């Protein structure tokens, strides 16, 4: 964790992943089945997504509009963005169109993820 600001949410996440790597970090249900994600797998998913975001030009300070419902991908995206130092502007898919348009026009986002 050298070079990581110890006061960030991402640093706290890294410490939790190191300490609890084999424990369950997230549980979700889909199609009637329950899935458990370990901290180790969660961290791997965050790093894969973070690397992809960087490859596409997202960097520290970049503002990213993110439209999604509450699900595993939401938290992975949130932590991946935080790992870069970018700024996530999250909204649910149920956000009224006029509100979404206002946020998109005034958030200074340069990327959007749906």
C-alpha atoms as a PDB file:
ATOM      1  CA  UNK A   1       0.000   0.000   0.000  1.00  0.00           C
ATOM      2  CA  UNK A   2       3.006   2.228  -0.383  1.00  0.00           C
ATOM      3  CA  UNK A   3       2.050   5.587  -1.841  1.00  0.00           C
ATOM      4  CA  UNK A   4      -1.597   5.150  -0.814  1.00  0.00           C
ATOM      5  CA  UNK A   5      -3.152   7.825   1.387  1.00  0.00           C
ATOM      6  CA  UNK A   6      -4.097   5.953   4.578  1.00  0.00           C
ATOM      7  CA  UNK A   7      -7.117   8.229   5.111  1.00  0.00           C
ATOM      8  CA  UNK A   8      -9.049   7.131   2.034  1.00  0.00           C
ATOM      9  CA  UNK A   9     -11.957   4.727   1.687  1.00  0.00           C
ATOM     10  CA  UNK A  10      -9.841   2.764  -0.779  1.00  0.00           C
ATOM     11  CA  UNK A  11      -7.055   2.301   1.772  1.00  0.00           C
ATOM     12  CA  UNK A  12      -9.589   1.071   4.311  1.00  0.00           C
ATOM     13  CA  UNK A  13     -10.893  -1.344   1.670  1.00  0.00           C
ATOM     14  CA  UNK A  14      -7.353  -2.628   0.988  1.00  0.00           C
ATOM     15  CA  UNK A  15      -6.756  -3.229   4.687  1.00  0.00           C
ATOM     16  CA  UNK A  16     -10.045  -5.131   5.000  1.00  0.00           C
ATOM     17  CA  UNK A  17      -9.184  -7.260   1.956  1.00  0.00           C
ATOM     18  CA  UNK A  18      -5.791  -8.100   3.403  1.00  0.00           C
ATOM     19  CA  UNK A  19      -7.184  -8.989   6.824  1.00  0.00           C
ATOM     20  CA  UNK A  20     -10.318 -10.844   5.697  1.00  0.00           C
ATOM     21  CA  UNK A  21      -9.312 -12.152   2.259  1.00  0.00           C
ATOM     22  CA  UNK A  22     -11.132 -15.487   2.630  1.00  0.00           C
ATOM     23  CA  UNK A  23     -14.215 -14.079   4.374  1.00  0.00           C
ATOM     24  CA  UNK A  24     -17.421 -13.181   2.573  1.00  0.00           C
ATOM     25  CA  UNK A  25     -17.491  -9.523   1.545  1.00  0.00           C
ATOM     26  CA  UNK A  26     -20.700  -9.469  -0.457  1.00  0.00           C
ATOM     27  CA  UNK A  27     -23.743 -11.672  -0.930  1.00  0.00           C
ATOM     28  CA  UNK A  28     -26.202 -11.277  -3.777  1.00  0.00           C
ATOM     29  CA  UNK A  29     -29.073 -13.200  -5.272  1.00  0.00           C
ATOM     30  CA  UNK A  30     -29.946 -13.616  -8.912  1.00  0.00           C
ATOM     31  CA  UNK A  31     -32.175 -16.108 -10.661  1.00  0.00           C
ATOM     32  CA  UNK A  32     -33.164 -17.592  -7.309  1.00  0.00           C
ATOM     33  CA  UNK A  33     -29.557 -18.438  -6.441  1.00  0.00           C
ATOM     34  CA  UNK A  34     -27.349 -16.919  -3.768  1.00  0.00           C
ATOM     35  CA  UNK A  35     -23.754 -15.997  -4.553  1.00  0.00           C
ATOM     36  CA  UNK A  36     -21.029 -15.130  -2.063  1.00  0.00           C
ATOM     37  CA  UNK A  37     -18.006 -13.056  -2.978  1.00  0.00           C
ATOM     38  CA  UNK A  38     -14.855 -13.217  -0.848  1.00  0.00           C
ATOM     39  CA  UNK A  39     -12.793 -10.127  -0.118  1.00  0.00           C
ATOM     40  CA  UNK A  40     -10.044 -11.612  -2.315  1.00  0.00           C
ATOM     41  CA  UNK A  41     -12.419 -11.960  -5.295  1.00  0.00           C
ATOM     42  CA  UNK A  42     -13.886  -8.506  -4.624  1.00  0.00           C
ATOM     43  CA  UNK A  43     -10.388  -6.996  -4.715  1.00  0.00           C
ATOM     44  CA  UNK A  44      -9.547  -8.855  -7.951  1.00  0.00           C
ATOM     45  CA  UNK A  45     -12.730  -7.527  -9.566  1.00  0.00           C
ATOM     46  CA  UNK A  46     -11.913  -3.981  -8.433  1.00  0.00           C
ATOM     47  CA  UNK A  47      -8.392  -4.174  -9.887  1.00  0.00           C
ATOM     48  CA  UNK A  48      -9.614  -5.595 -13.212  1.00  0.00           C
ATOM     49  CA  UNK A  49     -12.160  -2.794 -13.572  1.00  0.00           C
ATOM     50  CA  UNK A  50      -9.728  -0.126 -12.376  1.00  0.00           C
ATOM     51  CA  UNK A  51      -7.178  -1.230 -14.981  1.00  0.00           C
ATOM     52  CA  UNK A  52      -9.865  -1.056 -17.686  1.00  0.00           C
ATOM     53  CA  UNK A  53     -10.933   2.433 -16.606  1.00  0.00           C
ATOM     54  CA  UNK A  54      -7.316   3.643 -16.696  1.00  0.00           C
ATOM     55  CA  UNK A  55      -6.869   2.126 -20.158  1.00  0.00           C
ATOM     56  CA  UNK A  56      -9.824   4.227 -21.333  1.00  0.00           C
ATOM     57  CA  UNK A  57      -8.380   7.452 -19.913  1.00  0.00           C
ATOM     58  CA  UNK A  58     -10.041   7.747 -16.524  1.00  0.00           C
ATOM     59  CA  UNK A  59      -7.568   9.207 -14.051  1.00  0.00           C
ATOM     60  CA  UNK A  60      -7.404  11.071 -10.752  1.00  0.00           C
ATOM     61  CA  UNK A  61      -9.988  13.864 -10.692  1.00  0.00           C
ATOM     62  CA  UNK A  62     -11.984  12.545 -13.671  1.00  0.00           C
ATOM     63  CA  UNK A  63     -15.729  12.851 -13.064  1.00  0.00           C
ATOM     64  CA  UNK A  64     -17.725   9.780 -14.064  1.00  0.00           C
ATOM     65  CA  UNK A  65     -21.516   9.661 -14.216  1.00  0.00           C
ATOM     66  CA  UNK A  66     -22.655   6.170 -13.195  1.00  0.00           C
ATOM     67  CA  UNK A  67     -26.233   4.998 -13.708  1.00  0.00           C
ATOM     68  CA  UNK A  68     -27.059   1.661 -12.163  1.00  0.00           C
ATOM     69  CA  UNK A  69     -29.376  -0.110  -9.793  1.00  0.00           C
ATOM     70  CA  UNK A  70     -28.085  -1.469  -6.501  1.00  0.00           C
ATOM     71  CA  UNK A  71     -26.039  -4.569  -7.350  1.00  0.00           C
ATOM     72  CA  UNK A  72     -22.561  -6.051  -7.024  1.00  0.00           C
ATOM     73  CA  UNK A  73     -21.305  -4.163 -10.078  1.00  0.00           C
ATOM     74  CA  UNK A  74     -22.229  -0.896  -8.374  1.00  0.00           C
ATOM     75  CA  UNK A  75     -19.909  -1.414  -5.395  1.00  0.00           C
ATOM     76  CA  UNK A  76     -17.103  -2.789  -7.572  1.00  0.00           C
ATOM     77  CA  UNK A  77     -17.370   0.258  -9.857  1.00  0.00           C
ATOM     78  CA  UNK A  78     -17.466   2.636  -6.890  1.00  0.00           C
ATOM     79  CA  UNK A  79     -14.318   1.183  -5.316  1.00  0.00           C
ATOM     80  CA  UNK A  80     -12.520   0.925  -8.688  1.00  0.00           C
ATOM     81  CA  UNK A  81     -13.187   4.613  -9.354  1.00  0.00           C
ATOM     82  CA  UNK A  82     -12.013   5.488  -5.834  1.00  0.00           C
ATOM     83  CA  UNK A  83      -8.822   3.464  -6.364  1.00  0.00           C
ATOM     84  CA  UNK A  84      -7.917   5.755  -9.249  1.00  0.00           C
ATOM     85  CA  UNK A  85      -8.855   8.924  -7.396  1.00  0.00           C
ATOM     86  CA  UNK A  86     -11.601   9.703  -9.877  1.00  0.00           C
ATOM     87  CA  UNK A  87     -14.998  11.022  -8.784  1.00  0.00           C
ATOM     88  CA  UNK A  88     -18.122   8.889  -9.134  1.00  0.00           C
ATOM     89  CA  UNK A  89     -21.475  10.600  -9.670  1.00  0.00           C
ATOM     90  CA  UNK A  90     -23.927   7.762  -9.001  1.00  0.00           C
ATOM     91  CA  UNK A  91     -27.629   7.698  -9.822  1.00  0.00           C
ATOM     92  CA  UNK A  92     -30.164   4.905  -9.886  1.00  0.00           C
ATOM     93  CA  UNK A  93     -31.901   3.929 -13.103  1.00  0.00           C
ATOM     94  CA  UNK A  94     -35.157   5.160 -11.570  1.00  0.00           C
ATOM     95  CA  UNK A  95     -33.916   8.770 -11.533  1.00  0.00           C
ATOM     96  CA  UNK A  96     -36.422  11.002 -13.357  1.00  0.00           C
ATOM     97  CA  UNK A  97     -35.205  12.062 -16.805  1.00  0.00           C
ATOM     98  CA  UNK A  98     -35.263  15.806 -16.016  1.00  0.00           C
ATOM     99  CA  UNK A  99     -33.126  15.225 -12.908  1.00  0.00           C
ATOM    100  CA  UNK A 100     -30.730  12.983 -14.862  1.00  0.00           C
ATOM    101  CA  UNK A 101     -30.382  15.616 -17.566  1.00  0.00           C
ATOM    102  CA  UNK A 102     -29.659  18.308 -14.971  1.00  0.00           C
ATOM    103  CA  UNK A 103     -27.000  16.154 -13.295  1.00  0.00           C
ATOM    104  CA  UNK A 104     -25.405  15.229 -16.627  1.00  0.00           C
ATOM    105  CA  UNK A 105     -25.307  18.868 -17.703  1.00  0.00           C
ATOM    106  CA  UNK A 106     -23.939  20.240 -14.415  1.00  0.00           C
ATOM    107  CA  UNK A 107     -21.707  17.493 -13.027  1.00  0.00           C
ATOM    108  CA  UNK A 108     -18.826  18.178 -15.428  1.00  0.00           C
ATOM    109  CA  UNK A 109     -18.655  14.426 -16.110  1.00  0.00           C
ATOM    110  CA  UNK A 110     -16.429  13.435 -18.979  1.00  0.00           C
ATOM    111  CA  UNK A 111     -17.461   9.774 -18.883  1.00  0.00           C
ATOM    112  CA  UNK A 112     -20.733   7.954 -18.320  1.00  0.00           C
ATOM    113  CA  UNK A 113     -21.269   4.326 -17.391  1.00  0.00           C
ATOM    114  CA  UNK A 114     -24.704   2.720 -17.778  1.00  0.00           C
END
